[in-house]
Amino acid sequence: MDLAGKRVIIVGERDGVPGPAIEACVRSAGAEPVMVQTQCFV
């Protein structure tokens, strides 16, 4: 998937994949994170 030049909103999960980990992946793919949060879904 080509994410170069895209802006993304990231919602991670506390017991799953946290937001900062997803942020690192999308940055390496060329996207710009505009909001990053980690939530707890119960």
N, C-alpha and C. Protein backbone atom coordinates (compact mmCIF):
# COMPACT_ATOMS: atom_id res chain seq x y z
N MET A 1 0.84 -1.17 0.00
CA MET A 1 0.00 0.00 0.00
C MET A 1 0.89 1.23 0.00
N ASP A 2 0.59 2.17 -0.88
CA ASP A 2 1.36 3.40 -0.98
C ASP A 2 0.71 4.48 -0.13
N LEU A 3 1.37 4.85 0.96
CA LEU A 3 0.84 5.88 1.85
C LEU A 3 1.57 7.21 1.72
N ALA A 4 2.49 7.29 0.78
CA ALA A 4 3.30 8.51 0.63
C ALA A 4 2.41 9.73 0.41
N GLY A 5 2.63 10.75 1.26
CA GLY A 5 1.88 11.99 1.14
C GLY A 5 0.50 11.99 1.77
N LYS A 6 0.08 10.88 2.35
CA LYS A 6 -1.24 10.80 2.98
C LYS A 6 -1.15 11.24 4.44
N ARG A 7 -2.26 11.71 4.98
CA ARG A 7 -2.36 12.03 6.40
C ARG A 7 -3.27 10.99 7.04
N VAL A 8 -2.90 10.52 8.22
CA VAL A 8 -3.67 9.44 8.86
C VAL A 8 -3.99 9.77 10.31
N ILE A 9 -5.11 9.22 10.76
CA ILE A 9 -5.51 9.27 12.16
C ILE A 9 -5.33 7.85 12.70
N ILE A 10 -4.63 7.73 13.81
CA ILE A 10 -4.29 6.42 14.35
C ILE A 10 -4.95 6.23 15.71
N VAL A 11 -5.67 5.12 15.86
CA VAL A 11 -6.24 4.74 17.15
C VAL A 11 -5.72 3.35 17.48
N GLY A 12 -4.81 3.30 18.45
CA GLY A 12 -4.25 2.03 18.88
C GLY A 12 -5.06 1.46 20.04
N GLU A 13 -4.70 0.26 20.46
CA GLU A 13 -5.42 -0.42 21.53
C GLU A 13 -4.42 -0.82 22.61
N ARG A 14 -4.75 -0.54 23.85
CA ARG A 14 -3.83 -0.76 24.97
C ARG A 14 -3.34 -2.20 25.07
N ASP A 15 -4.21 -3.17 24.93
CA ASP A 15 -3.82 -4.57 25.07
C ASP A 15 -3.43 -5.20 23.73
N GLY A 16 -3.52 -4.43 22.66
CA GLY A 16 -3.17 -4.92 21.33
C GLY A 16 -1.96 -4.17 20.82
N VAL A 17 -2.14 -3.49 19.71
CA VAL A 17 -1.05 -2.70 19.11
C VAL A 17 -1.24 -1.24 19.52
N PRO A 18 -0.31 -0.67 20.29
CA PRO A 18 -0.46 0.72 20.73
C PRO A 18 -0.24 1.71 19.59
N GLY A 19 -0.79 2.90 19.76
CA GLY A 19 -0.72 3.94 18.76
C GLY A 19 0.69 4.28 18.30
N PRO A 20 1.67 4.44 19.21
CA PRO A 20 3.02 4.79 18.77
C PRO A 20 3.66 3.73 17.86
N ALA A 21 3.31 2.48 18.05
CA ALA A 21 3.84 1.42 17.18
C ALA A 21 3.27 1.55 15.77
N ILE A 22 1.97 1.85 15.69
CA ILE A 22 1.34 2.05 14.38
C ILE A 22 1.91 3.31 13.73
N GLU A 23 2.14 4.34 14.55
CA GLU A 23 2.71 5.58 14.03
C GLU A 23 4.07 5.33 13.37
N ALA A 24 4.91 4.54 14.00
CA ALA A 24 6.23 4.24 13.42
C ALA A 24 6.09 3.54 12.07
N CYS A 25 5.11 2.65 11.96
CA CYS A 25 4.89 1.94 10.69
C CYS A 25 4.42 2.87 9.59
N VAL A 26 3.46 3.72 9.89
CA VAL A 26 2.93 4.60 8.84
C VAL A 26 3.95 5.68 8.45
N ARG A 27 4.77 6.13 9.41
CA ARG A 27 5.83 7.09 9.06
C ARG A 27 6.83 6.43 8.11
N SER A 28 7.18 5.17 8.37
CA SER A 28 8.14 4.50 7.49
C SER A 28 7.55 4.26 6.10
N ALA A 29 6.21 4.25 5.99
CA ALA A 29 5.54 4.09 4.70
C ALA A 29 5.33 5.43 4.00
N GLY A 30 5.75 6.53 4.65
CA GLY A 30 5.67 7.83 4.01
C GLY A 30 4.47 8.67 4.38
N ALA A 31 3.63 8.21 5.30
CA ALA A 31 2.44 8.97 5.70
C ALA A 31 2.77 9.94 6.83
N GLU A 32 1.87 10.88 7.04
CA GLU A 32 2.02 11.86 8.12
C GLU A 32 0.91 11.66 9.14
N PRO A 33 1.22 11.16 10.34
CA PRO A 33 0.20 11.02 11.38
C PRO A 33 -0.24 12.41 11.88
N VAL A 34 -1.56 12.65 11.89
CA VAL A 34 -2.06 13.93 12.39
C VAL A 34 -2.65 13.79 13.79
N MET A 35 -2.98 12.57 14.19
CA MET A 35 -3.46 12.31 15.54
C MET A 35 -3.14 10.86 15.90
N VAL A 36 -2.58 10.66 17.08
CA VAL A 36 -2.23 9.32 17.54
C VAL A 36 -2.76 9.16 18.96
N GLN A 37 -3.58 8.13 19.17
CA GLN A 37 -4.10 7.85 20.51
C GLN A 37 -4.07 6.35 20.76
N THR A 38 -3.94 6.00 22.03
CA THR A 38 -4.05 4.61 22.45
C THR A 38 -5.23 4.55 23.42
N GLN A 39 -6.19 3.70 23.11
CA GLN A 39 -7.40 3.60 23.92
C GLN A 39 -7.48 2.22 24.57
N CYS A 40 -8.33 2.11 25.56
CA CYS A 40 -8.61 0.83 26.20
C CYS A 40 -10.06 0.46 25.88
N PHE A 41 -10.24 -0.56 25.05
CA PHE A 41 -11.58 -1.00 24.67
C PHE A 41 -11.95 -2.20 25.54
N VAL A 42 -12.97 -2.03 26.35
CA VAL A 42 -13.39 -3.10 27.26
C VAL A 42 -14.75 -3.60 26.84
